[in-house]
Amino acid sequence: LGRLAAEDLFDESYTYEFGKGVQLTDGDDVT
């Protein structure tokens, strides 16, 4: 956990899944 205020990325509909990544944007040049 951090000390600094964090920008909001997820809303109330978000559910954390253990061991799973979350793709936020699609793209085919670089990840």
Full PDB file with SEQRES, HELIX, SHEET, SSBOND, CRYST1, ORIGX, SCALE, CONECT and MASTER records, all heavy atoms in Angstrom:
SEQRES   1 A   31  LEU GLY ARG LEU ALA ALA GLU ASP LEU PHE ASP GLU SER          
SEQRES   2 A   31  TYR THR TYR GLU PHE GLY LYS GLY VAL GLN LEU THR ASP          
SEQRES   3 A   31  GLY ASP ASP VAL THR                                          
CRYST1    1.000    1.000    1.000  90.00  90.00  90.00 P 1           1          
ORIGX1      1.000000  0.000000  0.000000        0.00000                         
ORIGX2      0.000000  1.000000  0.000000        0.00000                         
ORIGX3      0.000000  0.000000  1.000000        0.00000                         
SCALE1      1.000000  0.000000  0.000000        0.00000                         
SCALE2      0.000000  1.000000  0.000000        0.00000                         
SCALE3      0.000000  0.000000  1.000000        0.00000                         
ATOM      1  N   LEU A   1       0.826  -1.207   0.000  1.00  0.00           N  
ATOM      2  CA  LEU A   1       0.000   0.000   0.000  1.00  0.00           C  
ATOM      3  C   LEU A   1       0.862   1.259   0.000  1.00  0.00           C  
ATOM      4  O   LEU A   1       2.018   1.236   0.426  1.00  0.00           O  
ATOM      5  CB  LEU A   1      -0.917  -0.003   1.227  1.00  0.00           C  
ATOM      6  CG  LEU A   1      -1.817  -1.236   1.366  1.00  0.00           C  
ATOM      7  CD1 LEU A   1      -2.450  -1.286   2.744  1.00  0.00           C  
ATOM      8  CD2 LEU A   1      -2.877  -1.250   0.279  1.00  0.00           C  
ATOM      9  N   GLY A   2       0.289   2.367  -0.492  1.00  0.00           N  
ATOM     10  CA  GLY A   2       1.054   3.590  -0.632  1.00  0.00           C  
ATOM     11  C   GLY A   2       0.569   4.728   0.244  1.00  0.00           C  
ATOM     12  O   GLY A   2      -0.560   4.739   0.740  1.00  0.00           O  
ATOM     13  N   ARG A   3       1.426   5.716   0.394  1.00  0.00           N  
ATOM     14  CA  ARG A   3       1.120   6.919   1.173  1.00  0.00           C  
ATOM     15  C   ARG A   3       0.412   7.975   0.316  1.00  0.00           C  
ATOM     16  O   ARG A   3      -0.446   8.711   0.784  1.00  0.00           O  
ATOM     17  CB  ARG A   3       2.420   7.501   1.716  1.00  0.00           C  
ATOM     18  CG  ARG A   3       2.253   8.787   2.514  1.00  0.00           C  
ATOM     19  CD  ARG A   3       3.613   9.371   2.863  1.00  0.00           C  
ATOM     20  NE  ARG A   3       3.516  10.437   3.847  1.00  0.00           N  
ATOM     21  CZ  ARG A   3       4.566  11.121   4.289  1.00  0.00           C  
ATOM     22  NH1 ARG A   3       5.779  10.833   3.840  1.00  0.00           N  
ATOM     23  NH2 ARG A   3       4.412  12.073   5.181  1.00  0.00           N  
ATOM     24  N   LEU A   4       0.787   8.035  -0.952  1.00  0.00           N  
ATOM     25  CA  LEU A   4       0.312   9.082  -1.858  1.00  0.00           C  
ATOM     26  C   LEU A   4      -1.105   8.804  -2.350  1.00  0.00           C  
ATOM     27  O   LEU A   4      -1.472   7.654  -2.591  1.00  0.00           O  
ATOM     28  CB  LEU A   4       1.259   9.153  -3.060  1.00  0.00           C  
ATOM     29  CG  LEU A   4       1.093  10.310  -4.042  1.00  0.00           C  
ATOM     30  CD1 LEU A   4       1.403  11.641  -3.372  1.00  0.00           C  
ATOM     31  CD2 LEU A   4       2.015  10.094  -5.245  1.00  0.00           C  
ATOM     32  N   ALA A   5      -1.903   9.857  -2.507  1.00  0.00           N  
ATOM     33  CA  ALA A   5      -3.248   9.699  -3.074  1.00  0.00           C  
ATOM     34  C   ALA A   5      -3.138   9.057  -4.453  1.00  0.00           C  
ATOM     35  O   ALA A   5      -2.280   9.429  -5.263  1.00  0.00           O  
ATOM     36  CB  ALA A   5      -3.941  11.047  -3.172  1.00  0.00           C  
ATOM     37  N   ALA A   6      -3.994   8.080  -4.708  1.00  0.00           N  
ATOM     38  CA  ALA A   6      -3.957   7.335  -5.973  1.00  0.00           C  
ATOM     39  C   ALA A   6      -5.106   7.771  -6.875  1.00  0.00           C  
ATOM     40  O   ALA A   6      -6.221   8.009  -6.407  1.00  0.00           O  
ATOM     41  CB  ALA A   6      -4.049   5.841  -5.692  1.00  0.00           C  
ATOM     42  N   GLU A   7      -4.833   7.847  -8.163  1.00  0.00           N  
ATOM     43  CA  GLU A   7      -5.893   8.194  -9.108  1.00  0.00           C  
ATOM     44  C   GLU A   7      -6.915   7.064  -9.199  1.00  0.00           C  
ATOM     45  O   GLU A   7      -6.561   5.890  -9.154  1.00  0.00           O  
ATOM     46  CB  GLU A   7      -5.293   8.464 -10.491  1.00  0.00           C  
ATOM     47  CG  GLU A   7      -4.397   9.682 -10.519  1.00  0.00           C  
ATOM     48  CD  GLU A   7      -3.972  10.049 -11.939  1.00  0.00           C  
ATOM     49  OE1 GLU A   7      -4.769   9.833 -12.865  1.00  0.00           O  
ATOM     50  OE2 GLU A   7      -2.846  10.545 -12.089  1.00  0.00           O  
ATOM     51  N   ASP A   8      -8.177   7.441  -9.318  1.00  0.00           N  
ATOM     52  CA  ASP A   8      -9.241   6.442  -9.433  1.00  0.00           C  
ATOM     53  C   ASP A   8      -9.217   5.807 -10.819  1.00  0.00           C  
ATOM     54  O   ASP A   8      -9.330   6.489 -11.826  1.00  0.00           O  
ATOM     55  CB  ASP A   8     -10.607   7.085  -9.186  1.00  0.00           C  
ATOM     56  CG  ASP A   8     -10.812   7.475  -7.736  1.00  0.00           C  
ATOM     57  OD1 ASP A   8     -10.263   6.779  -6.855  1.00  0.00           O  
ATOM     58  OD2 ASP A   8     -11.511   8.469  -7.470  1.00  0.00           O  
ATOM     59  N   LEU A   9      -9.080   4.491 -10.842  1.00  0.00           N  
ATOM     60  CA  LEU A   9      -9.107   3.741 -12.100  1.00  0.00           C  
ATOM     61  C   LEU A   9     -10.357   2.894 -12.241  1.00  0.00           C  
ATOM     62  O   LEU A   9     -10.824   2.635 -13.347  1.00  0.00           O  
ATOM     63  CB  LEU A   9      -7.878   2.827 -12.189  1.00  0.00           C  
ATOM     64  CG  LEU A   9      -6.522   3.502 -12.413  1.00  0.00           C  
ATOM     65  CD1 LEU A   9      -5.411   2.478 -12.293  1.00  0.00           C  
ATOM     66  CD2 LEU A   9      -6.482   4.158 -13.779  1.00  0.00           C  
ATOM     67  N   PHE A  10     -10.890   2.439 -11.102  1.00  0.00           N  
ATOM     68  CA  PHE A  10     -12.008   1.507 -11.113  1.00  0.00           C  
ATOM     69  C   PHE A  10     -13.215   2.086 -10.385  1.00  0.00           C  
ATOM     70  O   PHE A  10     -13.066   2.800  -9.397  1.00  0.00           O  
ATOM     71  CB  PHE A  10     -11.604   0.180 -10.460  1.00  0.00           C  
ATOM     72  CG  PHE A  10     -10.388  -0.452 -11.109  1.00  0.00           C  
ATOM     73  CD1 PHE A  10      -9.164  -0.470 -10.451  1.00  0.00           C  
ATOM     74  CD2 PHE A  10     -10.482  -1.010 -12.365  1.00  0.00           C  
ATOM     75  CE1 PHE A  10      -8.052  -1.039 -11.041  1.00  0.00           C  
ATOM     76  CE2 PHE A  10      -9.371  -1.592 -12.971  1.00  0.00           C  
ATOM     77  CZ  PHE A  10      -8.155  -1.605 -12.305  1.00  0.00           C  
ATOM     78  N   ASP A  11     -14.414   1.745 -10.883  1.00  0.00           N  
ATOM     79  CA  ASP A  11     -15.639   2.208 -10.224  1.00  0.00           C  
ATOM     80  C   ASP A  11     -16.219   1.108  -9.353  1.00  0.00           C  
ATOM     81  O   ASP A  11     -15.605   0.047  -9.162  1.00  0.00           O  
ATOM     82  CB  ASP A  11     -16.656   2.710 -11.263  1.00  0.00           C  
ATOM     83  CG  ASP A  11     -17.071   1.631 -12.267  1.00  0.00           C  
ATOM     84  OD1 ASP A  11     -16.980   0.419 -11.931  1.00  0.00           O  
ATOM     85  OD2 ASP A  11     -17.499   1.984 -13.379  1.00  0.00           O  
ATOM     86  N   GLU A  12     -17.409   1.337  -8.836  1.00  0.00           N  
ATOM     87  CA  GLU A  12     -18.016   0.401  -7.886  1.00  0.00           C  
ATOM     88  C   GLU A  12     -18.342  -0.958  -8.497  1.00  0.00           C  
ATOM     89  O   GLU A  12     -18.576  -1.930  -7.781  1.00  0.00           O  
ATOM     90  CB  GLU A  12     -19.289   1.021  -7.301  1.00  0.00           C  
ATOM     91  CG  GLU A  12     -19.029   2.212  -6.385  1.00  0.00           C  
ATOM     92  CD  GLU A  12     -18.143   1.855  -5.204  1.00  0.00           C  
ATOM     93  OE1 GLU A  12     -18.423   0.838  -4.543  1.00  0.00           O  
ATOM     94  OE2 GLU A  12     -17.169   2.585  -4.951  1.00  0.00           O  
ATOM     95  N   SER A  13     -18.358  -1.040  -9.824  1.00  0.00           N  
ATOM     96  CA  SER A  13     -18.673  -2.314 -10.476  1.00  0.00           C  
ATOM     97  C   SER A  13     -17.464  -3.255 -10.524  1.00  0.00           C  
ATOM     98  O   SER A  13     -17.600  -4.439 -10.844  1.00  0.00           O  
ATOM     99  CB  SER A  13     -19.179  -2.076 -11.903  1.00  0.00           C  
ATOM    100  OG  SER A  13     -18.140  -1.534 -12.716  1.00  0.00           O  
ATOM    101  N   TYR A  14     -16.279  -2.723 -10.189  1.00  0.00           N  
ATOM    102  CA  TYR A  14     -15.055  -3.521 -10.306  1.00  0.00           C  
ATOM    103  C   TYR A  14     -14.996  -4.616  -9.246  1.00  0.00           C  
ATOM    104  O   TYR A  14     -15.268  -4.383  -8.069  1.00  0.00           O  
ATOM    105  CB  TYR A  14     -13.825  -2.633 -10.182  1.00  0.00           C  
ATOM    106  CG  TYR A  14     -12.523  -3.394 -10.143  1.00  0.00           C  
ATOM    107  CD1 TYR A  14     -11.994  -3.960 -11.297  1.00  0.00           C  
ATOM    108  CD2 TYR A  14     -11.818  -3.564  -8.953  1.00  0.00           C  
ATOM    109  CE1 TYR A  14     -10.796  -4.661 -11.273  1.00  0.00           C  
ATOM    110  CE2 TYR A  14     -10.618  -4.260  -8.904  1.00  0.00           C  
ATOM    111  CZ  TYR A  14     -10.118  -4.809 -10.070  1.00  0.00           C  
ATOM    112  OH  TYR A  14      -8.931  -5.513 -10.041  1.00  0.00           O  
ATOM    113  N   THR A  15     -14.595  -5.799  -9.668  1.00  0.00           N  
ATOM    114  CA  THR A  15     -14.388  -6.921  -8.756  1.00  0.00           C  
ATOM    115  C   THR A  15     -12.974  -7.449  -8.938  1.00  0.00           C  
ATOM    116  O   THR A  15     -12.575  -7.788 -10.063  1.00  0.00           O  
ATOM    117  CB  THR A  15     -15.391  -8.059  -9.021  1.00  0.00           C  
ATOM    118  OG1 THR A  15     -16.716  -7.559  -8.855  1.00  0.00           O  
ATOM    119  CG2 THR A  15     -15.171  -9.218  -8.059  1.00  0.00           C  
ATOM    120  N   TYR A  16     -12.238  -7.514  -7.878  1.00  0.00           N  
ATOM    121  CA  TYR A  16     -10.878  -8.050  -7.931  1.00  0.00           C  
ATOM    122  C   TYR A  16     -10.908  -9.561  -8.090  1.00  0.00           C  
ATOM    123  O   TYR A  16     -11.653 -10.258  -7.396  1.00  0.00           O  
ATOM    124  CB  TYR A  16     -10.126  -7.685  -6.648  1.00  0.00           C  
ATOM    125  CG  TYR A  16      -8.839  -8.451  -6.458  1.00  0.00           C  
ATOM    126  CD1 TYR A  16      -7.701  -8.141  -7.197  1.00  0.00           C  
ATOM    127  CD2 TYR A  16      -8.765  -9.492  -5.522  1.00  0.00           C  
ATOM    128  CE1 TYR A  16      -6.521  -8.848  -7.021  1.00  0.00           C  
ATOM    129  CE2 TYR A  16      -7.583 -10.201  -5.332  1.00  0.00           C  
ATOM    130  CZ  TYR A  16      -6.470  -9.880  -6.091  1.00  0.00           C  
ATOM    131  OH  TYR A  16      -5.306 -10.588  -5.916  1.00  0.00           O  
ATOM    132  N   GLU A  17     -10.082 -10.083  -9.004  1.00  0.00           N  
ATOM    133  CA  GLU A  17      -9.935 -11.519  -9.189  1.00  0.00           C  
ATOM    134  C   GLU A  17      -8.499 -11.913  -8.875  1.00  0.00           C  
ATOM    135  O   GLU A  17      -7.566 -11.453  -9.535  1.00  0.00           O  
ATOM    136  CB  GLU A  17     -10.284 -11.930 -10.624  1.00  0.00           C  
ATOM    137  CG  GLU A  17     -11.753 -11.821 -10.970  1.00  0.00           C  
ATOM    138  CD  GLU A  17     -12.045 -12.394 -12.351  1.00  0.00           C  
ATOM    139  OE1 GLU A  17     -11.964 -13.625 -12.508  1.00  0.00           O  
ATOM    140  OE2 GLU A  17     -12.317 -11.600 -13.269  1.00  0.00           O  
ATOM    141  N   PHE A  18      -8.345 -12.745  -7.900  1.00  0.00           N  
ATOM    142  CA  PHE A  18      -7.022 -13.190  -7.454  1.00  0.00           C  
ATOM    143  C   PHE A  18      -6.277 -13.879  -8.605  1.00  0.00           C  
ATOM    144  O   PHE A  18      -6.806 -14.760  -9.272  1.00  0.00           O  
ATOM    145  CB  PHE A  18      -7.185 -14.158  -6.281  1.00  0.00           C  
ATOM    146  CG  PHE A  18      -5.897 -14.700  -5.738  1.00  0.00           C  
ATOM    147  CD1 PHE A  18      -4.984 -13.867  -5.113  1.00  0.00           C  
ATOM    148  CD2 PHE A  18      -5.606 -16.056  -5.827  1.00  0.00           C  
ATOM    149  CE1 PHE A  18      -3.805 -14.366  -4.583  1.00  0.00           C  
ATOM    150  CE2 PHE A  18      -4.429 -16.573  -5.302  1.00  0.00           C  
ATOM    151  CZ  PHE A  18      -3.519 -15.720  -4.677  1.00  0.00           C  
ATOM    152  N   GLY A  19      -5.037 -13.436  -8.814  1.00  0.00           N  
ATOM    153  CA  GLY A  19      -4.212 -14.068  -9.835  1.00  0.00           C  
ATOM    154  C   GLY A  19      -4.530 -13.674 -11.257  1.00  0.00           C  
ATOM    155  O   GLY A  19      -4.000 -14.279 -12.196  1.00  0.00           O  
ATOM    156  N   LYS A  20      -5.379 -12.661 -11.447  1.00  0.00           N  
ATOM    157  CA  LYS A  20      -5.777 -12.239 -12.791  1.00  0.00           C  
ATOM    158  C   LYS A  20      -5.354 -10.802 -13.072  1.00  0.00           C  
ATOM    159  O   LYS A  20      -5.527  -9.923 -12.230  1.00  0.00           O  
ATOM    160  CB  LYS A  20      -7.292 -12.358 -12.968  1.00  0.00           C  
ATOM    161  CG  LYS A  20      -7.815 -13.793 -12.909  1.00  0.00           C  
ATOM    162  CD  LYS A  20      -7.285 -14.617 -14.072  1.00  0.00           C  
ATOM    163  CE  LYS A  20      -7.860 -16.024 -14.053  1.00  0.00           C  
ATOM    164  NZ  LYS A  20      -7.289 -16.843 -15.161  1.00  0.00           N  
ATOM    165  N   GLY A  21      -4.815 -10.575 -14.272  1.00  0.00           N  
ATOM    166  CA  GLY A  21      -4.521  -9.226 -14.716  1.00  0.00           C  
ATOM    167  C   GLY A  21      -5.757  -8.593 -15.317  1.00  0.00           C  
ATOM    168  O   GLY A  21      -6.753  -9.274 -15.596  1.00  0.00           O  
ATOM    169  N   VAL A  22      -5.702  -7.284 -15.523  1.00  0.00           N  
ATOM    170  CA  VAL A  22      -6.835  -6.539 -16.071  1.00  0.00           C  
ATOM    171  C   VAL A  22      -6.352  -5.746 -17.285  1.00  0.00           C  
ATOM    172  O   VAL A  22      -5.465  -4.896 -17.147  1.00  0.00           O  
ATOM    173  CB  VAL A  22      -7.422  -5.560 -15.024  1.00  0.00           C  
ATOM    174  CG1 VAL A  22      -8.639  -4.840 -15.604  1.00  0.00           C  
ATOM    175  CG2 VAL A  22      -7.785  -6.294 -13.738  1.00  0.00           C  
ATOM    176  N   GLN A  23      -6.905  -6.042 -18.460  1.00  0.00           N  
ATOM    177  CA  GLN A  23      -6.541  -5.259 -19.635  1.00  0.00           C  
ATOM    178  C   GLN A  23      -7.384  -3.999 -19.671  1.00  0.00           C  
ATOM    179  O   GLN A  23      -8.605  -4.052 -19.736  1.00  0.00           O  
ATOM    180  CB  GLN A  23      -6.748  -6.065 -20.914  1.00  0.00           C  
ATOM    181  CG  GLN A  23      -6.298  -5.310 -22.163  1.00  0.00           C  
ATOM    182  CD  GLN A  23      -6.238  -6.176 -23.405  1.00  0.00           C  
ATOM    183  OE1 GLN A  23      -5.710  -7.276 -23.367  1.00  0.00           O  
ATOM    184  NE2 GLN A  23      -6.770  -5.667 -24.513  1.00  0.00           N  
ATOM    185  N   LEU A  24      -6.707  -2.845 -19.627  1.00  0.00           N  
ATOM    186  CA  LEU A  24      -7.400  -1.556 -19.576  1.00  0.00           C  
ATOM    187  C   LEU A  24      -7.597  -0.956 -20.963  1.00  0.00           C  
ATOM    188  O   LEU A  24      -8.578  -0.263 -21.204  1.00  0.00           O  
ATOM    189  CB  LEU A  24      -6.621  -0.581 -18.689  1.00  0.00           C  
ATOM    190  CG  LEU A  24      -6.441  -1.013 -17.225  1.00  0.00           C  
ATOM    191  CD1 LEU A  24      -5.639   0.029 -16.465  1.00  0.00           C  
ATOM    192  CD2 LEU A  24      -7.781  -1.245 -16.559  1.00  0.00           C  
ATOM    193  N   THR A  25      -6.629  -1.160 -21.857  1.00  0.00           N  
ATOM    194  CA  THR A  25      -6.763  -0.698 -23.234  1.00  0.00           C  
ATOM    195  C   THR A  25      -6.199  -1.755 -24.169  1.00  0.00           C  
ATOM    196  O   THR A  25      -5.324  -2.549 -23.778  1.00  0.00           O  
ATOM    197  CB  THR A  25      -6.009   0.630 -23.491  1.00  0.00           C  
ATOM    198  OG1 THR A  25      -4.601   0.395 -23.381  1.00  0.00           O  
ATOM    199  CG2 THR A  25      -6.432   1.703 -22.508  1.00  0.00           C  
ATOM    200  N   ASP A  26      -6.684  -1.780 -25.400  1.00  0.00           N  
ATOM    201  CA  ASP A  26      -6.172  -2.722 -26.382  1.00  0.00           C  
ATOM    202  C   ASP A  26      -5.138  -2.032 -27.260  1.00  0.00           C  
ATOM    203  O   ASP A  26      -5.142  -0.806 -27.404  1.00  0.00           O  
ATOM    204  CB  ASP A  26      -7.323  -3.269 -27.241  1.00  0.00           C  
ATOM    205  CG  ASP A  26      -6.930  -4.526 -27.987  1.00  0.00           C  
ATOM    206  OD1 ASP A  26      -5.867  -5.094 -27.656  1.00  0.00           O  
ATOM    207  OD2 ASP A  26      -7.668  -4.947 -28.902  1.00  0.00           O  
ATOM    208  N   GLY A  27      -4.253  -2.804 -27.843  1.00  0.00           N  
ATOM    209  CA  GLY A  27      -3.234  -2.273 -28.733  1.00  0.00           C  
ATOM    210  C   GLY A  27      -2.412  -3.405 -29.300  1.00  0.00           C  
ATOM    211  O   GLY A  27      -2.335  -4.486 -28.693  1.00  0.00           O  
ATOM    212  N   ASP A  28      -1.771  -3.178 -30.446  1.00  0.00           N  
ATOM    213  CA  ASP A  28      -0.999  -4.256 -31.061  1.00  0.00           C  
ATOM    214  C   ASP A  28       0.452  -3.893 -31.368  1.00  0.00           C  
ATOM    215  O   ASP A  28       1.181  -4.693 -31.951  1.00  0.00           O  
ATOM    216  CB  ASP A  28      -1.698  -4.751 -32.337  1.00  0.00           C  
ATOM    217  CG  ASP A  28      -2.010  -3.618 -33.308  1.00  0.00           C  
ATOM    218  OD1 ASP A  28      -1.384  -2.550 -33.203  1.00  0.00           O  
ATOM    219  OD2 ASP A  28      -2.892  -3.819 -34.155  1.00  0.00           O  
ATOM    220  N   ASP A  29       0.895  -2.697 -30.957  1.00  0.00           N  
ATOM    221  CA  ASP A  29       2.298  -2.326 -31.169  1.00  0.00           C  
ATOM    222  C   ASP A  29       3.167  -2.677 -29.962  1.00  0.00           C  
ATOM    223  O   ASP A  29       4.212  -3.304 -30.088  1.00  0.00           O  
ATOM    224  CB  ASP A  29       2.406  -0.828 -31.457  1.00  0.00           C  
ATOM    225  CG  ASP A  29       1.923  -0.470 -32.848  1.00  0.00           C  
ATOM    226  OD1 ASP A  29       2.046  -1.320 -33.757  1.00  0.00           O  
ATOM    227  OD2 ASP A  29       1.405   0.650 -33.038  1.00  0.00           O  
ATOM    228  N   VAL A  30       2.750  -2.249 -28.788  1.00  0.00           N  
ATOM    229  CA  VAL A  30       3.517  -2.469 -27.566  1.00  0.00           C  
ATOM    230  C   VAL A  30       2.537  -2.745 -26.428  1.00  0.00           C  
ATOM    231  O   VAL A  30       1.396  -2.276 -26.454  1.00  0.00           O  
ATOM    232  CB  VAL A  30       4.390  -1.229 -27.238  1.00  0.00           C  
ATOM    233  CG1 VAL A  30       3.522   0.016 -27.039  1.00  0.00           C  
ATOM    234  CG2 VAL A  30       5.250  -1.463 -25.987  1.00  0.00           C  
ATOM    235  N   THR A  31       3.002  -3.512 -25.439  1.00  0.00           N  
ATOM    236  CA  THR A  31       2.194  -3.750 -24.240  1.00  0.00           C  
ATOM    237  C   THR A  31       2.865  -3.092 -23.040  1.00  0.00           C  
ATOM    238  O   THR A  31       4.055  -3.303 -22.798  1.00  0.00           O  
ATOM    239  CB  THR A  31       2.017  -5.249 -23.953  1.00  0.00           C  
ATOM    240  OG1 THR A  31       1.333  -5.877 -25.039  1.00  0.00           O  
ATOM    241  CG2 THR A  31       1.210  -5.466 -22.678  1.00  0.00           C  
TER     242      THR A  31                                                      
MASTER        0    0    0    0    0    0    0    6  241    1    0    3          
END                                                                             
